[in-house]
Amino acid sequence: MICPDCQAEYLDNINECGDCKVSLIDACSLDLPVPEMTWIPLPTFIGSTYADMIIEILNQKEIPHYVKSNWSSSVLSTRGSELIDDVIRVFVPKSYEQQATNIVYAISGEKK
């Protein structure tokens, strides 16, 4: 549940916003704009070791990202390092590309 005025989120069993004193609505019924983002892939990782390190740093720096791995590791419920040549892709919004790329090269030791 969400307040239509201040957008505060509440558990389903709450019916009124504690601050605004208005009735809550189902969050799915709000028509909030979704910002358009262009996602840029970072250099590819083979196995999960470097990818896990990069993801941890991106989380710490609050850089938005998402991760894609091979279909086989998803189907087999295995981690990337358990499969030979498992490719892991990390994507960040274009506005974070330079910052995230610098982190990748600092971790991997490779140059641009």
Protein backbone atom coordinates (compact mmCIF):
# COMPACT_ATOMS: atom_id res chain seq x y z
CA MET A 1 0.00 0.00 0.00
CA ILE A 2 1.17 3.51 -0.73
CA CYS A 3 0.12 7.05 0.15
CA PRO A 4 -1.07 8.92 -2.96
CA ASP A 5 0.21 12.22 -1.51
CA CYS A 6 3.68 11.52 -0.07
CA GLN A 7 4.33 8.09 -1.73
CA ALA A 8 5.26 6.51 1.63
CA GLU A 9 4.98 2.72 1.52
CA TYR A 10 2.99 0.77 4.09
CA LEU A 11 2.23 -2.87 4.85
CA ASP A 12 -0.96 -4.25 3.29
CA ASN A 13 -2.83 -4.23 6.60
CA ILE A 14 -2.48 -0.43 7.05
CA ASN A 15 -5.28 1.68 5.53
CA GLU A 16 -4.32 5.30 6.28
CA CYS A 17 -1.10 7.31 5.90
CA GLY A 18 0.31 8.16 9.32
CA ASP A 19 1.53 11.57 8.11
CA CYS A 20 -1.04 12.73 5.55
CA LYS A 21 -4.08 11.07 7.14
CA VAL A 22 -5.43 10.01 3.71
CA SER A 23 -6.53 6.57 2.56
CA LEU A 24 -3.79 4.41 1.07
CA ILE A 25 -4.03 2.91 -2.39
CA ASP A 26 -2.55 -0.17 -4.01
CA ALA A 27 0.95 0.73 -5.25
CA CYS A 28 0.24 -0.88 -8.63
CA SER A 29 -2.52 1.63 -9.32
CA LEU A 30 -0.14 4.62 -9.25
CA ASP A 31 0.95 5.85 -12.63
CA LEU A 32 4.45 7.04 -11.69
CA PRO A 33 6.77 7.89 -14.58
CA VAL A 34 9.60 5.45 -15.18
CA PRO A 35 12.76 7.30 -16.13
CA GLU A 36 14.26 6.19 -19.41
CA MET A 37 17.80 4.91 -19.06
CA THR A 38 20.38 3.75 -21.53
CA TRP A 39 22.24 0.77 -20.08
CA ILE A 40 25.89 0.29 -21.03
CA PRO A 41 27.77 -3.03 -20.66
CA LEU A 42 31.01 -2.99 -18.70
CA PRO A 43 33.92 -5.11 -19.92
CA THR A 44 32.99 -8.82 -19.89
CA PHE A 45 34.04 -11.10 -17.03
CA ILE A 46 34.90 -14.77 -17.32
CA GLY A 47 33.81 -16.47 -14.10
CA SER A 48 32.38 -14.75 -11.08
CA THR A 49 35.44 -13.68 -9.08
CA TYR A 50 35.96 -10.24 -10.65
CA ALA A 51 32.23 -9.79 -11.26
CA ASP A 52 31.46 -10.35 -7.57
CA MET A 53 34.13 -7.81 -6.60
CA ILE A 54 32.81 -5.22 -9.06
CA ILE A 55 29.21 -5.76 -7.95
CA GLU A 56 30.19 -5.30 -4.30
CA ILE A 57 31.89 -1.98 -5.09
CA LEU A 58 28.98 -0.81 -7.26
CA ASN A 59 26.64 -1.57 -4.36
CA GLN A 60 28.86 0.32 -1.91
CA LYS A 61 29.00 3.35 -4.23
CA GLU A 62 25.24 3.07 -4.89
CA ILE A 63 25.77 2.78 -8.65
CA PRO A 64 22.69 1.21 -10.29
CA HIS A 65 23.48 -1.99 -12.18
CA TYR A 66 22.17 -5.34 -13.30
CA VAL A 67 23.96 -8.59 -14.03
CA LYS A 68 23.47 -11.16 -16.77
CA SER A 69 25.19 -14.52 -16.95
CA ASN A 70 25.04 -17.40 -19.39
CA TRP A 71 21.80 -19.26 -19.81
CA SER A 72 23.47 -22.50 -18.66
CA SER A 73 24.46 -21.17 -15.23
CA SER A 74 20.91 -19.92 -14.65
CA VAL A 75 19.31 -23.20 -15.71
CA LEU A 76 21.72 -25.33 -13.71
CA SER A 77 21.57 -23.00 -10.69
CA THR A 78 25.34 -22.77 -10.56
CA ARG A 79 27.61 -19.85 -9.87
CA GLY A 80 29.72 -18.49 -12.72
CA SER A 81 33.03 -19.77 -11.38
CA GLU A 82 31.72 -23.34 -11.43
CA LEU A 83 31.41 -23.42 -15.20
CA ILE A 84 34.33 -23.11 -17.59
CA ASP A 85 34.15 -19.94 -19.71
CA ASP A 86 30.96 -18.67 -18.04
CA VAL A 87 30.58 -15.08 -19.22
CA ILE A 88 29.14 -12.52 -16.80
CA ARG A 89 27.96 -9.14 -18.06
CA VAL A 90 27.40 -6.16 -15.79
CA PHE A 91 25.35 -3.20 -17.09
CA VAL A 92 25.21 0.34 -15.68
CA PRO A 93 23.30 3.46 -16.75
CA LYS A 94 25.21 5.55 -19.28
CA SER A 95 25.61 8.37 -16.74
CA TYR A 96 27.70 6.00 -14.56
CA GLU A 97 29.71 4.42 -17.38
CA GLN A 98 33.03 6.21 -16.78
CA GLN A 99 32.96 5.77 -13.02
CA ALA A 100 32.06 2.06 -13.26
CA THR A 101 34.60 1.41 -16.04
CA ASN A 102 37.34 2.97 -13.90
CA ILE A 103 36.39 0.61 -11.08
CA VAL A 104 36.55 -2.40 -13.42
CA TYR A 105 40.03 -1.49 -14.64
CA ALA A 106 41.25 -0.78 -11.11
CA ILE A 107 40.12 -4.27 -10.03
CA SER A 108 41.22 -6.20 -13.11
CA GLY A 109 44.53 -4.38 -13.58
CA GLU A 110 43.81 -3.93 -17.27
CA LYS A 111 44.14 -0.67 -19.13
CA LYS A 112 41.43 0.94 -21.24
